[in-house]
């Protein structure tokens, strides 16, 4: 009885906010509860699937951009979030792409039978998990495509896998390895461990892979996180690496950089993904160089981006061809 009342209260808060267009402060005042509690109840409403927010993204402009991206980069599918072609709000762009990704995940979750989804890491994938609601499929398995970091992080692949499994009623398989080892020899030792081998085998057998890109430049998360030693950062600089995807580092032309660091990351390689639906998520203008490099690598089949990045990718490709 108490749970039913709690659910009714959550539904009432959601109704007043989303349908009645009241502000959080107005809902708080009307129901006599704190604004903090209103925030928590709105989050509960989305987590329980009582509220489903959808965004109609198939506008003429974004459809045309998606079609051009598909042709230029030889993709099976592209989706573009309509957030404006000229903007500098990378957080909004990431969240818009995350909503596209949650829709994609909802779509594949409706398939019958067991589904294994490989998961990378990053803020966009984390936001995808935040936006996923109302999806239940006990046959889903989410598995890390790469190692993780030592510190707790909402964006780490293990955390995202666990959250997605909890939200869908599926299960999570974590890769028990660091994002980067101290040396190529140390990485070989890690990859030889039975539990690591088992997790990687599961990841290589995934039918889908959801990945994002990381920039390799001053101020980027990869450079500022403390993951790399000074020597490893210098390797990236010396080799003109522009970005990574799931622990593999790329030069601007899409080739895998010939550096030791690319032998120090326990992860699934692009050559292991030929049978997967490989989906790349990228949001924000700062992702241009890294996204372009990963697309040129040729293993991505589907692309989810914001409108501004879509325009920038096409302009960069056209300028190279000119």
Protein backbone atom coordinates (compact mmCIF):
# COMPACT_ATOMS: atom_id res chain seq x y z
CA UNK A 1 0.00 0.00 0.00
CA UNK A 2 2.84 2.38 0.87
CA UNK A 3 4.58 1.62 -2.44
CA UNK A 4 1.38 2.33 -4.37
CA UNK A 5 1.06 5.69 -2.63
CA UNK A 6 4.70 6.50 -3.37
CA UNK A 7 4.19 5.65 -7.05
CA UNK A 8 1.07 7.83 -7.12
CA UNK A 9 3.02 10.72 -5.62
CA UNK A 10 5.79 10.32 -8.19
CA UNK A 11 3.23 10.22 -11.01
CA UNK A 12 1.55 13.36 -9.65
CA UNK A 13 4.84 15.25 -9.51
CA UNK A 14 5.68 14.15 -13.06
CA UNK A 15 2.23 15.16 -14.32
CA UNK A 16 2.40 18.63 -12.79
CA UNK A 17 5.91 19.24 -14.12
CA UNK A 18 5.77 17.73 -17.61
CA UNK A 19 2.08 18.12 -18.49
CA UNK A 20 1.02 21.01 -16.26
CA UNK A 21 4.17 22.97 -17.15
CA UNK A 22 4.75 23.99 -13.55
CA UNK A 23 8.29 24.81 -12.48
CA UNK A 24 9.99 22.60 -9.91
CA UNK A 25 9.54 25.37 -7.37
CA UNK A 26 5.82 25.60 -8.16
CA UNK A 27 5.41 21.83 -7.81
CA UNK A 28 7.26 22.00 -4.49
CA UNK A 29 4.97 24.73 -3.20
CA UNK A 30 1.75 23.08 -4.42
CA UNK A 31 2.51 19.69 -2.87
CA UNK A 32 4.28 20.97 0.23
CA UNK A 33 7.51 19.06 -0.36
CA UNK A 34 11.07 20.30 -0.76
CA UNK A 35 12.46 21.15 -4.20
CA UNK A 36 15.14 18.51 -3.63
CA UNK A 37 12.43 15.87 -3.18
CA UNK A 38 10.71 17.05 -6.37
CA UNK A 39 13.99 16.59 -8.25
CA UNK A 40 14.41 13.09 -6.82
CA UNK A 41 10.83 12.11 -7.68
CA UNK A 42 11.21 13.37 -11.25
CA UNK A 43 14.34 11.22 -11.58
CA UNK A 44 12.42 8.24 -10.14
CA UNK A 45 9.62 8.81 -12.67
CA UNK A 46 12.05 8.55 -15.57
CA UNK A 47 13.91 5.58 -14.09
CA UNK A 48 10.66 3.65 -13.56
CA UNK A 49 9.46 4.41 -17.07
CA UNK A 50 6.49 6.49 -15.86
CA UNK A 51 7.80 9.32 -18.02
CA UNK A 52 9.27 8.83 -21.47
CA UNK A 53 10.73 11.86 -23.19
CA UNK A 54 11.10 11.60 -26.95
CA UNK A 55 12.52 14.15 -29.34
CA UNK A 56 11.43 14.22 -32.99
CA UNK A 57 14.76 14.45 -34.74
CA UNK A 58 13.76 13.50 -38.28
CA UNK A 59 13.51 17.04 -39.60
CA UNK A 60 14.24 17.80 -43.24
CA UNK A 61 17.55 19.45 -42.40
CA UNK A 62 18.92 16.69 -40.22
CA UNK A 63 17.67 14.00 -42.58
CA UNK A 64 19.62 15.63 -45.41
CA UNK A 65 22.74 15.85 -43.23
CA UNK A 66 22.35 12.21 -42.20
CA UNK A 67 22.03 11.15 -45.84
CA UNK A 68 25.20 13.06 -46.79
CA UNK A 69 27.14 11.59 -43.86
CA UNK A 70 26.06 8.10 -44.89
CA UNK A 71 27.34 8.59 -48.44
CA UNK A 72 30.55 10.50 -47.65
CA UNK A 73 31.74 8.11 -44.94
CA UNK A 74 30.24 4.91 -46.41
CA UNK A 75 27.97 4.24 -43.42
CA UNK A 76 24.96 2.00 -43.07
CA UNK A 77 23.09 4.60 -41.02
CA UNK A 78 23.54 8.10 -39.61
CA UNK A 79 21.33 10.06 -37.22
CA UNK A 80 21.71 13.77 -36.51
CA UNK A 81 20.32 15.53 -33.44
CA UNK A 82 18.81 18.95 -34.32
CA UNK A 83 20.57 21.24 -31.86
CA UNK A 84 21.71 23.89 -34.34
CA UNK A 85 24.61 23.93 -36.75
CA UNK A 86 26.46 26.79 -35.08
CA UNK A 87 26.86 26.46 -31.33
CA UNK A 88 29.45 26.00 -28.61
CA UNK A 89 27.43 24.13 -25.99
CA UNK A 90 29.19 20.76 -25.99
CA UNK A 91 27.18 19.47 -23.00
CA UNK A 92 23.89 20.08 -24.82
CA UNK A 93 25.31 18.40 -27.92
CA UNK A 94 26.41 15.35 -25.90
CA UNK A 95 23.00 15.04 -24.26
CA UNK A 96 21.24 15.34 -27.61
CA UNK A 97 23.38 12.53 -29.05
CA UNK A 98 22.77 10.49 -25.89
CA UNK A 99 19.02 10.71 -26.51
CA UNK A 100 19.55 9.39 -30.05
CA UNK A 101 21.63 6.55 -28.61
CA UNK A 102 19.01 5.63 -26.02
CA UNK A 103 16.49 5.43 -28.87
CA UNK A 104 18.83 3.16 -30.81
CA UNK A 105 19.28 0.94 -27.76
CA UNK A 106 15.51 0.79 -27.27
CA UNK A 107 15.16 -0.29 -30.89
CA UNK A 108 17.62 -3.18 -30.69
CA UNK A 109 16.29 -4.25 -27.28
CA UNK A 110 12.94 -5.03 -28.89
CA UNK A 111 14.54 -7.84 -30.89
CA UNK A 112 13.83 -11.40 -29.87
CA UNK A 113 16.53 -13.61 -28.46
CA UNK A 114 19.76 -12.87 -26.65
CA UNK A 115 21.61 -9.65 -27.48
CA UNK A 116 25.15 -8.77 -26.44
CA UNK A 117 26.15 -5.12 -26.58
CA UNK A 118 29.77 -4.01 -26.27
CA UNK A 119 30.16 -0.71 -24.45
CA UNK A 120 32.97 1.83 -24.54
CA UNK A 121 33.29 4.72 -22.12
CA UNK A 122 32.80 8.46 -21.89
CA UNK A 123 30.31 11.15 -20.97
CA UNK A 124 28.04 10.59 -23.98
CA UNK A 125 27.62 6.87 -23.23
CA UNK A 126 26.98 7.69 -19.59
CA UNK A 127 24.29 10.21 -20.61
CA UNK A 128 22.79 7.52 -22.87
CA UNK A 129 22.33 5.31 -19.81
CA UNK A 130 20.78 8.26 -17.96
CA UNK A 131 18.24 8.73 -20.76
CA UNK A 132 17.23 5.08 -21.16
CA UNK A 133 13.77 4.39 -19.72
CA UNK A 134 11.10 1.74 -20.02
CA UNK A 135 13.32 -0.93 -21.65
CA UNK A 136 13.12 -4.45 -20.23
CA UNK A 137 14.91 -7.38 -21.83
CA UNK A 138 16.42 -10.05 -19.62
CA UNK A 139 18.26 -11.45 -22.65
CA UNK A 140 20.51 -8.41 -22.94
CA UNK A 141 24.17 -8.55 -21.93
CA UNK A 142 26.35 -5.45 -21.70
CA UNK A 143 30.09 -6.06 -21.84
CA UNK A 144 33.06 -3.71 -21.55
CA UNK A 145 35.06 -3.25 -24.74
CA UNK A 146 38.04 -1.88 -22.84
CA UNK A 147 39.68 -1.65 -19.45
CA UNK A 148 38.70 0.84 -16.80
CA UNK A 149 40.29 3.47 -14.60
CA UNK A 150 41.33 3.12 -10.97
CA UNK A 151 39.07 5.84 -9.61
CA UNK A 152 35.29 5.58 -9.39
CA UNK A 153 33.62 7.32 -12.32
CA UNK A 154 30.06 7.64 -13.60
CA UNK A 155 31.47 7.46 -17.13
CA UNK A 156 33.70 4.37 -16.74
CA UNK A 157 32.72 1.42 -18.97
CA UNK A 158 32.09 -0.88 -16.02
CA UNK A 159 29.76 1.63 -14.38
CA UNK A 160 27.83 2.22 -17.61
CA UNK A 161 27.48 -1.54 -18.21
CA UNK A 162 26.16 -2.13 -14.70
CA UNK A 163 23.65 0.72 -14.98
CA UNK A 164 22.40 -0.48 -18.37
CA UNK A 165 22.02 -4.03 -17.07
CA UNK A 166 20.08 -2.83 -14.02
CA UNK A 167 17.79 -0.66 -16.16
CA UNK A 168 16.98 -3.39 -18.68
CA UNK A 169 16.91 -6.42 -16.40
CA UNK A 170 19.89 -7.88 -18.25
CA UNK A 171 23.41 -8.64 -17.06
CA UNK A 172 26.81 -6.99 -17.18
CA UNK A 173 30.23 -8.45 -17.94
CA UNK A 174 33.15 -6.29 -16.88
CA UNK A 175 36.69 -6.44 -18.23
CA UNK A 176 38.88 -6.86 -15.10
CA UNK A 177 41.79 -4.85 -16.45
CA UNK A 178 43.12 -1.29 -16.34
CA UNK A 179 42.57 1.12 -19.21
CA UNK A 180 46.32 1.18 -19.82
CA UNK A 181 49.18 -1.01 -18.61
CA UNK A 182 52.66 0.24 -17.80
CA UNK A 183 54.21 -1.52 -20.79
CA UNK A 184 53.41 -3.79 -23.72
CA UNK A 185 54.81 -6.75 -21.78
CA UNK A 186 52.61 -5.96 -18.78
CA UNK A 187 49.62 -5.75 -21.11
CA UNK A 188 50.41 -9.19 -22.53
CA UNK A 189 50.45 -10.60 -19.00
CA UNK A 190 47.09 -8.99 -18.22
CA UNK A 191 45.53 -10.28 -21.46
CA UNK A 192 46.73 -13.80 -20.62
CA UNK A 193 44.66 -13.92 -17.41
CA UNK A 194 41.68 -16.28 -17.64
CA UNK A 195 39.05 -13.81 -16.45
CA UNK A 196 40.33 -11.17 -18.84
CA UNK A 197 40.31 -13.67 -21.72
CA UNK A 198 36.74 -14.69 -20.90
CA UNK A 199 35.52 -11.09 -20.81
CA UNK A 200 37.28 -10.25 -24.07
CA UNK A 201 35.83 -13.34 -25.74
CA UNK A 202 32.35 -12.20 -24.68
CA UNK A 203 33.07 -8.70 -26.01
CA UNK A 204 34.35 -10.02 -29.34
CA UNK A 205 31.12 -12.00 -29.69
CA UNK A 206 28.91 -8.92 -29.25
CA UNK A 207 26.36 -8.22 -31.97
CA UNK A 208 26.45 -4.47 -31.32
CA UNK A 209 29.13 -2.06 -30.12
CA UNK A 210 28.37 1.40 -28.73
CA UNK A 211 31.47 3.59 -28.67
CA UNK A 212 32.50 7.21 -28.29
CA UNK A 213 35.69 9.09 -29.13
CA UNK A 214 38.27 10.77 -26.97
CA UNK A 215 40.39 13.75 -28.02
CA UNK A 216 44.15 13.67 -27.59
CA UNK A 217 44.97 17.32 -27.07
CA UNK A 218 45.76 19.75 -24.29
CA UNK A 219 42.83 20.12 -21.90
CA UNK A 220 41.15 16.88 -23.03
CA UNK A 221 39.97 14.37 -20.42
CA UNK A 222 42.50 11.75 -21.52
CA UNK A 223 45.37 14.19 -20.94
CA UNK A 224 44.08 15.65 -17.69
CA UNK A 225 42.82 12.48 -15.98
CA UNK A 226 46.17 11.14 -14.81
CA UNK A 227 45.66 7.88 -16.75
CA UNK A 228 48.87 8.23 -18.72
CA UNK A 229 52.45 8.61 -17.59
CA UNK A 230 54.35 11.67 -18.90
CA UNK A 231 56.22 9.34 -21.26
CA UNK A 232 52.99 7.97 -22.70
CA UNK A 233 51.58 11.46 -23.23
CA UNK A 234 54.78 12.36 -25.07
CA UNK A 235 54.30 9.30 -27.30
CA UNK A 236 50.88 10.62 -28.31
CA UNK A 237 52.25 14.08 -29.05
CA UNK A 238 55.24 12.83 -31.01
CA UNK A 239 53.06 10.57 -33.17
CA UNK A 240 50.48 13.34 -33.87
CA UNK A 241 47.68 11.24 -32.40
CA UNK A 242 44.34 13.10 -32.57
CA UNK A 243 42.01 10.72 -30.76
CA UNK A 244 41.14 7.29 -29.45
CA UNK A 245 38.20 4.92 -29.61
CA UNK A 246 37.97 2.13 -27.03
CA UNK A 247 41.65 2.31 -26.18
CA UNK A 248 43.02 2.38 -29.73
CA UNK A 249 44.83 5.58 -30.78
CA UNK A 250 44.49 7.09 -34.25
CA UNK A 251 46.26 9.63 -36.42
CA UNK A 252 44.29 12.17 -38.45
CA UNK A 253 44.24 9.96 -41.57
CA UNK A 254 42.55 7.12 -39.68
CA UNK A 255 45.60 4.89 -39.32
CA UNK A 256 46.42 3.29 -35.99
CA UNK A 257 49.43 5.10 -34.55
CA UNK A 258 52.62 3.03 -34.53
CA UNK A 259 53.42 3.61 -30.85
CA UNK A 260 53.98 1.32 -27.89
CA UNK A 261 50.91 2.75 -26.19
CA UNK A 262 48.74 0.95 -28.73
CA UNK A 263 50.14 -2.30 -27.31
CA UNK A 264 49.46 -1.28 -23.70
CA UNK A 265 45.66 -1.10 -23.67
CA UNK A 266 43.67 -4.31 -22.99
CA UNK A 267 40.72 -3.88 -25.34
CA UNK A 268 38.77 -5.20 -28.30
CA UNK A 269 40.49 -4.22 -31.55
CA UNK A 270 38.72 -2.83 -34.66
CA UNK A 271 39.63 -6.05 -36.50
CA UNK A 272 37.50 -7.91 -33.94
CA UNK A 273 34.42 -5.83 -34.84
CA UNK A 274 33.80 -6.82 -38.44
CA UNK A 275 30.60 -8.74 -37.62
CA UNK A 276 29.24 -6.17 -35.15
CA UNK A 277 26.90 -3.25 -35.67
CA UNK A 278 29.51 -0.67 -34.69
CA UNK A 279 27.86 2.57 -33.56
CA UNK A 280 29.89 5.72 -32.92
CA UNK A 281 28.50 8.44 -30.64
CA UNK A 282 30.04 11.91 -30.91
CA UNK A 283 28.77 15.24 -29.63
CA UNK A 284 30.32 18.70 -29.57
CA UNK A 285 32.67 20.69 -31.76
CA UNK A 286 35.72 19.56 -29.79
CA UNK A 287 35.25 16.02 -31.13
CA UNK A 288 35.80 16.96 -34.79
CA UNK A 289 39.40 15.78 -35.31
CA UNK A 290 38.97 12.58 -33.29
CA UNK A 291 35.65 11.67 -34.92
CA UNK A 292 37.00 12.29 -38.41
CA UNK A 293 40.00 10.05 -37.70
CA UNK A 294 37.85 7.19 -36.37
CA UNK A 295 35.48 7.44 -39.34
CA UNK A 296 38.45 7.30 -41.71
CA UNK A 297 39.60 4.13 -39.95
CA UNK A 298 36.70 2.42 -41.70
CA UNK A 299 35.23 0.13 -39.03
CA UNK A 300 32.27 2.29 -37.96
CA UNK A 301 28.94 1.32 -39.53
CA UNK A 302 26.55 3.73 -37.82
CA UNK A 303 27.04 7.31 -36.61
CA UNK A 304 25.06 9.36 -34.09
CA UNK A 305 26.09 13.03 -33.94
CA UNK A 306 24.74 16.51 -33.24
CA UNK A 307 23.94 18.92 -36.04
CA UNK A 308 26.93 21.18 -35.50
CA UNK A 309 29.41 18.31 -35.60
CA UNK A 310 27.67 16.82 -38.63
CA UNK A 311 28.18 20.05 -40.60
CA UNK A 312 31.81 20.30 -39.45
CA UNK A 313 32.55 16.70 -40.46
CA UNK A 314 31.16 17.25 -43.95
CA UNK A 315 33.01 20.55 -44.38
CA UNK A 316 36.29 18.94 -43.26
CA UNK A 317 35.80 16.05 -45.66
CA UNK A 318 34.97 18.37 -48.56
CA UNK A 319 37.98 20.59 -47.88
CA UNK A 320 40.27 17.56 -47.97
CA UNK A 321 38.81 16.42 -51.28
CA UNK A 322 39.09 19.90 -52.85
